[in-house]
Amino acid sequence: MPHSRYFIVQIGEGWLIRFAGGDFGPYHTRQEALMFAVDAAQRLGEERGENAEVCLLGENGHFHPEWVFGRDSYPPRL
């Protein structure tokens, strides 16, 4: 099963979703970017059966999963 990751990154005052080599946004808040990314990941998981996850940059400088298809509730409680 393919694995897909959506990365939420802050660029200046806005937030972007990075996925498959593309940037999507900007969004006004991190929460807004997360919601759009989770919706996209949920659809990808349902329609293509992919292990999709949404990742945030942690304090240690590494990305970590914030929401994972099939593990976390949908709609999410962010």
PDB file of N, CA and C in Angstrom:
ATOM      1  N   MET A   1       0.852  -1.173   0.000  1.00  0.00           N
ATOM      2  CA  MET A   1       0.000   0.000   0.000  1.00  0.00           C
ATOM      3  C   MET A   1       0.903   1.243   0.000  1.00  0.00           C
ATOM      4  N   PRO A   2       0.730   2.164  -0.943  1.00  0.00           N
ATOM      5  CA  PRO A   2       1.553   3.385  -0.982  1.00  0.00           C
ATOM      6  C   PRO A   2       1.363   4.246   0.261  1.00  0.00           C
ATOM      7  N   HIS A   3       2.391   5.007   0.580  1.00  0.00           N
ATOM      8  CA  HIS A   3       2.363   5.873   1.752  1.00  0.00           C
ATOM      9  C   HIS A   3       2.484   7.322   1.290  1.00  0.00           C
ATOM     10  N   SER A   4       1.550   8.164   1.678  1.00  0.00           N
ATOM     11  CA  SER A   4       1.542   9.567   1.272  1.00  0.00           C
ATOM     12  C   SER A   4       1.585  10.457   2.502  1.00  0.00           C
ATOM     13  N   ARG A   5       2.410  11.512   2.424  1.00  0.00           N
ATOM     14  CA  ARG A   5       2.528  12.441   3.550  1.00  0.00           C
ATOM     15  C   ARG A   5       2.231  13.867   3.096  1.00  0.00           C
ATOM     16  N   TYR A   6       1.429  14.542   3.887  1.00  0.00           N
ATOM     17  CA  TYR A   6       1.138  15.965   3.711  1.00  0.00           C
ATOM     18  C   TYR A   6       1.901  16.700   4.810  1.00  0.00           C
ATOM     19  N   PHE A   7       2.708  17.684   4.432  1.00  0.00           N
ATOM     20  CA  PHE A   7       3.511  18.431   5.398  1.00  0.00           C
ATOM     21  C   PHE A   7       2.945  19.835   5.553  1.00  0.00           C
ATOM     22  N   ILE A   8       2.721  20.250   6.796  1.00  0.00           N
ATOM     23  CA  ILE A   8       2.246  21.602   7.102  1.00  0.00           C
ATOM     24  C   ILE A   8       3.470  22.435   7.482  1.00  0.00           C
ATOM     25  N   VAL A   9       3.706  23.522   6.720  1.00  0.00           N
ATOM     26  CA  VAL A   9       4.876  24.365   6.974  1.00  0.00           C
ATOM     27  C   VAL A   9       4.457  25.829   7.039  1.00  0.00           C
ATOM     28  N   GLN A  10       5.164  26.573   7.888  1.00  0.00           N
ATOM     29  CA  GLN A  10       4.901  28.004   7.996  1.00  0.00           C
ATOM     30  C   GLN A  10       5.857  28.747   7.082  1.00  0.00           C
ATOM     31  N   ILE A  11       5.289  29.636   6.283  1.00  0.00           N
ATOM     32  CA  ILE A  11       6.063  30.477   5.385  1.00  0.00           C
ATOM     33  C   ILE A  11       5.678  31.921   5.698  1.00  0.00           C
ATOM     34  N   GLY A  12       6.571  32.659   6.351  1.00  0.00           N
ATOM     35  CA  GLY A  12       6.248  34.021   6.750  1.00  0.00           C
ATOM     36  C   GLY A  12       5.073  34.016   7.703  1.00  0.00           C
ATOM     37  N   GLU A  13       4.035  34.762   7.356  1.00  0.00           N
ATOM     38  CA  GLU A  13       2.830  34.845   8.193  1.00  0.00           C
ATOM     39  C   GLU A  13       1.802  33.775   7.848  1.00  0.00           C
ATOM     40  N   GLY A  14       2.004  33.040   6.750  1.00  0.00           N
ATOM     41  CA  GLY A  14       1.016  32.063   6.308  1.00  0.00           C
ATOM     42  C   GLY A  14       1.481  30.631   6.478  1.00  0.00           C
ATOM     43  N   TRP A  15       0.612  29.725   6.114  1.00  0.00           N
ATOM     44  CA  TRP A  15       0.867  28.289   6.223  1.00  0.00           C
ATOM     45  C   TRP A  15       0.605  27.631   4.885  1.00  0.00           C
ATOM     46  N   LEU A  16       1.419  26.631   4.538  1.00  0.00           N
ATOM     47  CA  LEU A  16       1.271  25.888   3.294  1.00  0.00           C
ATOM     48  C   LEU A  16       1.139  24.401   3.586  1.00  0.00           C
ATOM     49  N   ILE A  17       0.536  23.695   2.625  1.00  0.00           N
ATOM     50  CA  ILE A  17       0.532  22.241   2.629  1.00  0.00           C
ATOM     51  C   ILE A  17       1.472  21.822   1.520  1.00  0.00           C
ATOM     52  N   ARG A  18       2.477  21.028   1.852  1.00  0.00           N
ATOM     53  CA  ARG A  18       3.391  20.483   0.848  1.00  0.00           C
ATOM     54  C   ARG A  18       3.037  19.026   0.642  1.00  0.00           C
ATOM     55  N   PHE A  19       2.791  18.703  -0.640  1.00  0.00           N
ATOM     56  CA  PHE A  19       2.407  17.331  -0.979  1.00  0.00           C
ATOM     57  C   PHE A  19       2.836  17.031  -2.403  1.00  0.00           C
ATOM     58  N   ALA A  20       3.500  15.915  -2.588  1.00  0.00           N
ATOM     59  CA  ALA A  20       3.887  15.419  -3.913  1.00  0.00           C
ATOM     60  C   ALA A  20       4.619  16.478  -4.737  1.00  0.00           C
ATOM     61  N   GLY A  21       5.524  17.191  -4.105  1.00  0.00           N
ATOM     62  CA  GLY A  21       6.327  18.179  -4.816  1.00  0.00           C
ATOM     63  C   GLY A  21       5.647  19.502  -5.069  1.00  0.00           C
ATOM     64  N   GLY A  22       4.443  19.687  -4.568  1.00  0.00           N
ATOM     65  CA  GLY A  22       3.714  20.939  -4.781  1.00  0.00           C
ATOM     66  C   GLY A  22       3.368  21.621  -3.473  1.00  0.00           C
ATOM     67  N   ASP A  23       3.159  22.924  -3.545  1.00  0.00           N
ATOM     68  CA  ASP A  23       2.718  23.717  -2.397  1.00  0.00           C
ATOM     69  C   ASP A  23       1.282  24.152  -2.617  1.00  0.00           C
ATOM     70  N   PHE A  24       0.468  24.038  -1.573  1.00  0.00           N
ATOM     71  CA  PHE A  24      -0.941  24.405  -1.648  1.00  0.00           C
ATOM     72  C   PHE A  24      -1.249  25.390  -0.531  1.00  0.00           C
ATOM     73  N   GLY A  25      -1.948  26.447  -0.856  1.00  0.00           N
ATOM     74  CA  GLY A  25      -2.245  27.499   0.096  1.00  0.00           C
ATOM     75  C   GLY A  25      -1.952  28.842  -0.542  1.00  0.00           C
ATOM     76  N   PRO A  26      -1.723  29.836   0.211  1.00  0.00           N
ATOM     77  CA  PRO A  26      -1.483  29.833   1.646  1.00  0.00           C
ATOM     78  C   PRO A  26      -2.779  29.845   2.446  1.00  0.00           C
ATOM     79  N   TYR A  27      -2.648  29.417   3.689  1.00  0.00           N
ATOM     80  CA  TYR A  27      -3.744  29.431   4.644  1.00  0.00           C
ATOM     81  C   TYR A  27      -3.399  30.430   5.745  1.00  0.00           C
ATOM     82  N   HIS A  28      -4.408  31.012   6.360  1.00  0.00           N
ATOM     83  CA  HIS A  28      -4.192  32.046   7.373  1.00  0.00           C
ATOM     84  C   HIS A  28      -3.669  31.483   8.686  1.00  0.00           C
ATOM     85  N   THR A  29      -4.096  30.256   9.037  1.00  0.00           N
ATOM     86  CA  THR A  29      -3.697  29.666  10.312  1.00  0.00           C
ATOM     87  C   THR A  29      -3.214  28.229  10.105  1.00  0.00           C
ATOM     88  N   ARG A  30      -2.469  27.751  11.078  1.00  0.00           N
ATOM     89  CA  ARG A  30      -2.024  26.356  11.046  1.00  0.00           C
ATOM     90  C   ARG A  30      -3.231  25.429  11.089  1.00  0.00           C
ATOM     91  N   GLN A  31      -4.216  25.780  11.907  1.00  0.00           N
ATOM     92  CA  GLN A  31      -5.434  24.971  12.041  1.00  0.00           C
ATOM     93  C   GLN A  31      -6.160  24.823  10.701  1.00  0.00           C
ATOM     94  N   GLU A  32      -6.257  25.918   9.965  1.00  0.00           N
ATOM     95  CA  GLU A  32      -6.910  25.879   8.659  1.00  0.00           C
ATOM     96  C   GLU A  32      -6.156  24.959   7.701  1.00  0.00           C
ATOM     97  N   ALA A  33      -4.833  25.072   7.675  1.00  0.00           N
ATOM     98  CA  ALA A  33      -4.022  24.205   6.811  1.00  0.00           C
ATOM     99  C   ALA A  33      -4.175  22.740   7.213  1.00  0.00           C
ATOM    100  N   LEU A  34      -4.189  22.481   8.511  1.00  0.00           N
ATOM    101  CA  LEU A  34      -4.373  21.113   8.996  1.00  0.00           C
ATOM    102  C   LEU A  34      -5.700  20.523   8.540  1.00  0.00           C
ATOM    103  N   MET A  35      -6.773  21.303   8.657  1.00  0.00           N
ATOM    104  CA  MET A  35      -8.098  20.802   8.267  1.00  0.00           C
ATOM    105  C   MET A  35      -8.144  20.451   6.777  1.00  0.00           C
ATOM    106  N   PHE A  36      -7.595  21.316   5.932  1.00  0.00           N
ATOM    107  CA  PHE A  36      -7.583  21.036   4.497  1.00  0.00           C
ATOM    108  C   PHE A  36      -6.721  19.814   4.188  1.00  0.00           C
ATOM    109  N   ALA A  37      -5.571  19.689   4.854  1.00  0.00           N
ATOM    110  CA  ALA A  37      -4.691  18.546   4.623  1.00  0.00           C
ATOM    111  C   ALA A  37      -5.344  17.245   5.087  1.00  0.00           C
ATOM    112  N   VAL A  38      -5.999  17.267   6.233  1.00  0.00           N
ATOM    113  CA  VAL A  38      -6.668  16.070   6.735  1.00  0.00           C
ATOM    114  C   VAL A  38      -7.801  15.658   5.785  1.00  0.00           C
ATOM    115  N   ASP A  39      -8.561  16.608   5.281  1.00  0.00           N
ATOM    116  CA  ASP A  39      -9.622  16.282   4.315  1.00  0.00           C
ATOM    117  C   ASP A  39      -9.040  15.615   3.076  1.00  0.00           C
ATOM    118  N   ALA A  40      -7.934  16.163   2.565  1.00  0.00           N
ATOM    119  CA  ALA A  40      -7.298  15.591   1.373  1.00  0.00           C
ATOM    120  C   ALA A  40      -6.744  14.200   1.675  1.00  0.00           C
ATOM    121  N   ALA A  41      -6.113  14.024   2.824  1.00  0.00           N
ATOM    122  CA  ALA A  41      -5.558  12.722   3.199  1.00  0.00           C
ATOM    123  C   ALA A  41      -6.666  11.684   3.389  1.00  0.00           C
ATOM    124  N   GLN A  42      -7.775  12.083   3.965  1.00  0.00           N
ATOM    125  CA  GLN A  42      -8.910  11.179   4.159  1.00  0.00           C
ATOM    126  C   GLN A  42      -9.435  10.700   2.807  1.00  0.00           C
ATOM    127  N   ARG A  43      -9.604  11.626   1.868  1.00  0.00           N
ATOM    128  CA  ARG A  43     -10.080  11.249   0.534  1.00  0.00           C
ATOM    129  C   ARG A  43      -9.097  10.302  -0.154  1.00  0.00           C
ATOM    130  N   LEU A  44      -7.806  10.585  -0.039  1.00  0.00           N
ATOM    131  CA  LEU A  44      -6.798   9.727  -0.656  1.00  0.00           C
ATOM    132  C   LEU A  44      -6.842   8.327  -0.057  1.00  0.00           C
ATOM    133  N   GLY A  45      -7.004   8.247   1.241  1.00  0.00           N
ATOM    134  CA  GLY A  45      -7.098   6.951   1.899  1.00  0.00           C
ATOM    135  C   GLY A  45      -8.333   6.172   1.481  1.00  0.00           C
ATOM    136  N   GLU A  46      -9.466   6.852   1.403  1.00  0.00           N
ATOM    137  CA  GLU A  46     -10.718   6.188   1.025  1.00  0.00           C
ATOM    138  C   GLU A  46     -10.733   5.785  -0.445  1.00  0.00           C
ATOM    139  N   GLU A  47     -10.306   6.683  -1.327  1.00  0.00           N
ATOM    140  CA  GLU A  47     -10.427   6.455  -2.765  1.00  0.00           C
ATOM    141  C   GLU A  47      -9.325   5.566  -3.333  1.00  0.00           C
ATOM    142  N   ARG A  48      -8.119   5.666  -2.781  1.00  0.00           N
ATOM    143  CA  ARG A  48      -6.993   4.913  -3.341  1.00  0.00           C
ATOM    144  C   ARG A  48      -6.406   3.893  -2.376  1.00  0.00           C
ATOM    145  N   GLY A  49      -6.920   3.859  -1.157  1.00  0.00           N
ATOM    146  CA  GLY A  49      -6.423   2.908  -0.178  1.00  0.00           C
ATOM    147  C   GLY A  49      -5.007   3.177   0.288  1.00  0.00           C
ATOM    148  N   GLU A  50      -4.589   4.434   0.225  1.00  0.00           N
ATOM    149  CA  GLU A  50      -3.230   4.780   0.617  1.00  0.00           C
ATOM    150  C   GLU A  50      -3.138   5.068   2.110  1.00  0.00           C
ATOM    151  N   ASN A  51      -1.991   4.776   2.682  1.00  0.00           N
ATOM    152  CA  ASN A  51      -1.695   5.147   4.061  1.00  0.00           C
ATOM    153  C   ASN A  51      -1.307   6.614   4.049  1.00  0.00           C
ATOM    154  N   ALA A  52      -2.234   7.484   4.291  1.00  0.00           N
ATOM    155  CA  ALA A  52      -1.985   8.923   4.229  1.00  0.00           C
ATOM    156  C   ALA A  52      -1.875   9.488   5.633  1.00  0.00           C
ATOM    157  N   GLU A  53      -0.942  10.456   5.787  1.00  0.00           N
ATOM    158  CA  GLU A  53      -0.801  11.114   7.073  1.00  0.00           C
ATOM    159  C   GLU A  53      -0.469  12.581   6.873  1.00  0.00           C
ATOM    160  N   VAL A  54      -0.806  13.358   7.895  1.00  0.00           N
ATOM    161  CA  VAL A  54      -0.537  14.797   7.905  1.00  0.00           C
ATOM    162  C   VAL A  54       0.526  15.028   8.970  1.00  0.00           C
ATOM    163  N   CYS A  55       1.619  15.709   8.577  1.00  0.00           N
ATOM    164  CA  CYS A  55       2.766  15.879   9.463  1.00  0.00           C
ATOM    165  C   CYS A  55       3.029  17.349   9.788  1.00  0.00           C
ATOM    166  N   LEU A  56       3.464  17.580  11.029  1.00  0.00           N
ATOM    167  CA  LEU A  56       3.856  18.911  11.498  1.00  0.00           C
ATOM    168  C   LEU A  56       5.320  18.881  11.913  1.00  0.00           C
ATOM    169  N   LEU A  57       5.970  20.042  11.835  1.00  0.00           N
ATOM    170  CA  LEU A  57       7.351  20.165  12.270  1.00  0.00           C
ATOM    171  C   LEU A  57       7.378  20.305  13.790  1.00  0.00           C
ATOM    172  N   GLY A  58       8.115  19.419  14.456  1.00  0.00           N
ATOM    173  CA  GLY A  58       8.208  19.452  15.906  1.00  0.00           C
ATOM    174  C   GLY A  58       9.315  20.366  16.391  1.00  0.00           C
ATOM    175  N   GLU A  59       9.382  20.540  17.692  1.00  0.00           N
ATOM    176  CA  GLU A  59      10.401  21.394  18.295  1.00  0.00           C
ATOM    177  C   GLU A  59      11.817  20.869  18.051  1.00  0.00           C
ATOM    178  N   ASN A  60      11.952  19.567  17.800  1.00  0.00           N
ATOM    179  CA  ASN A  60      13.256  18.971  17.549  1.00  0.00           C
ATOM    180  C   ASN A  60      13.707  19.137  16.098  1.00  0.00           C
ATOM    181  N   GLY A  61      12.892  19.816  15.272  1.00  0.00           N
ATOM    182  CA  GLY A  61      13.251  20.041  13.874  1.00  0.00           C
ATOM    183  C   GLY A  61      12.888  18.906  12.941  1.00  0.00           C
ATOM    184  N   HIS A  62      12.180  17.897  13.441  1.00  0.00           N
ATOM    185  CA  HIS A  62      11.753  16.769  12.623  1.00  0.00           C
ATOM    186  C   HIS A  62      10.234  16.772  12.487  1.00  0.00           C
ATOM    187  N   PHE A  63       9.762  16.279  11.337  1.00  0.00           N
ATOM    188  CA  PHE A  63       8.321  16.165  11.138  1.00  0.00           C
ATOM    189  C   PHE A  63       7.795  14.946  11.884  1.00  0.00           C
ATOM    190  N   HIS A  64       6.596  15.075  12.440  1.00  0.00           N
ATOM    191  CA  HIS A  64       5.933  13.969  13.118  1.00  0.00           C
ATOM    192  C   HIS A  64       4.478  13.929  12.659  1.00  0.00           C
ATOM    193  N   PRO A  65       3.880  12.731  12.620  1.00  0.00           N
ATOM    194  CA  PRO A  65       2.480  12.630  12.203  1.00  0.00           C
ATOM    195  C   PRO A  65       1.540  13.275  13.222  1.00  0.00           C
ATOM    196  N   GLU A  66       0.680  14.143  12.724  1.00  0.00           N
ATOM    197  CA  GLU A  66      -0.344  14.778  13.553  1.00  0.00           C
ATOM    198  C   GLU A  66      -1.681  14.061  13.385  1.00  0.00           C
ATOM    199  N   TRP A  67      -1.923  13.507  12.195  1.00  0.00           N
ATOM    200  CA  TRP A  67      -3.158  12.789  11.889  1.00  0.00           C
ATOM    201  C   TRP A  67      -2.815  11.680  10.896  1.00  0.00           C
ATOM    202  N   VAL A  68      -3.350  10.470  11.119  1.00  0.00           N
ATOM    203  CA  VAL A  68      -3.062   9.326  10.259  1.00  0.00           C
ATOM    204  C   VAL A  68      -4.381   8.677   9.838  1.00  0.00           C
ATOM    205  N   PHE A  69      -4.532   8.448   8.529  1.00  0.00           N
ATOM    206  CA  PHE A  69      -5.727   7.791   7.989  1.00  0.00           C
ATOM    207  C   PHE A  69      -5.858   6.392   8.598  1.00  0.00           C
ATOM    208  N   GLY A  70      -7.067   6.073   9.054  1.00  0.00           N
ATOM    209  CA  GLY A  70      -7.342   4.761   9.618  1.00  0.00           C
ATOM    210  C   GLY A  70      -6.993   4.634  11.091  1.00  0.00           C
ATOM    211  N   ARG A  71      -6.233   5.591  11.635  1.00  0.00           N
ATOM    212  CA  ARG A  71      -5.881   5.547  13.053  1.00  0.00           C
ATOM    213  C   ARG A  71      -6.637   6.612  13.833  1.00  0.00           C
ATOM    214  N   ASP A  72      -6.698   7.806  13.261  1.00  0.00           N
ATOM    215  CA  ASP A  72      -7.297   8.945  13.958  1.00  0.00           C
ATOM    216  C   ASP A  72      -8.716   9.194  13.466  1.00  0.00           C
ATOM    217  N   SER A  73      -9.507   9.822  14.314  1.00  0.00           N
ATOM    218  CA  SER A  73     -10.902  10.073  13.976  1.00  0.00           C
ATOM    219  C   SER A  73     -11.042  11.046  12.820  1.00  0.00           C
ATOM    220  N   TYR A  74     -12.125  10.885  12.084  1.00  0.00           N
ATOM    221  CA  TYR A  74     -12.461  11.820  11.011  1.00  0.00           C
ATOM    222  C   TYR A  74     -13.933  12.135  11.126  1.00  0.00           C
ATOM    223  N   PRO A  75     -14.320  13.381  11.157  1.00  0.00           N
ATOM    224  CA  PRO A  75     -13.428  14.543  11.121  1.00  0.00           C
ATOM    225  C   PRO A  75     -12.585  14.611  12.383  1.00  0.00           C
ATOM    226  N   PRO A  76     -11.395  15.184  12.255  1.00  0.00           N
ATOM    227  CA  PRO A  76     -10.462  15.216  13.383  1.00  0.00           C
ATOM    228  C   PRO A  76     -10.897  16.151  14.491  1.00  0.00           C
ATOM    229  N   ARG A  77     -10.369  15.919  15.654  1.00  0.00           N
ATOM    230  CA  ARG A  77     -10.597  16.809  16.799  1.00  0.00           C
ATOM    231  C   ARG A  77      -9.295  17.558  17.047  1.00  0.00           C
ATOM    232  N   LEU A  78      -9.028  18.521  16.196  1.00  0.00           N
ATOM    233  CA  LEU A  78      -7.769  19.267  16.285  1.00  0.00           C
ATOM    234  C   LEU A  78      -7.914  20.502  17.138  1.00  0.00           C
TER     235      LEU A  78
END
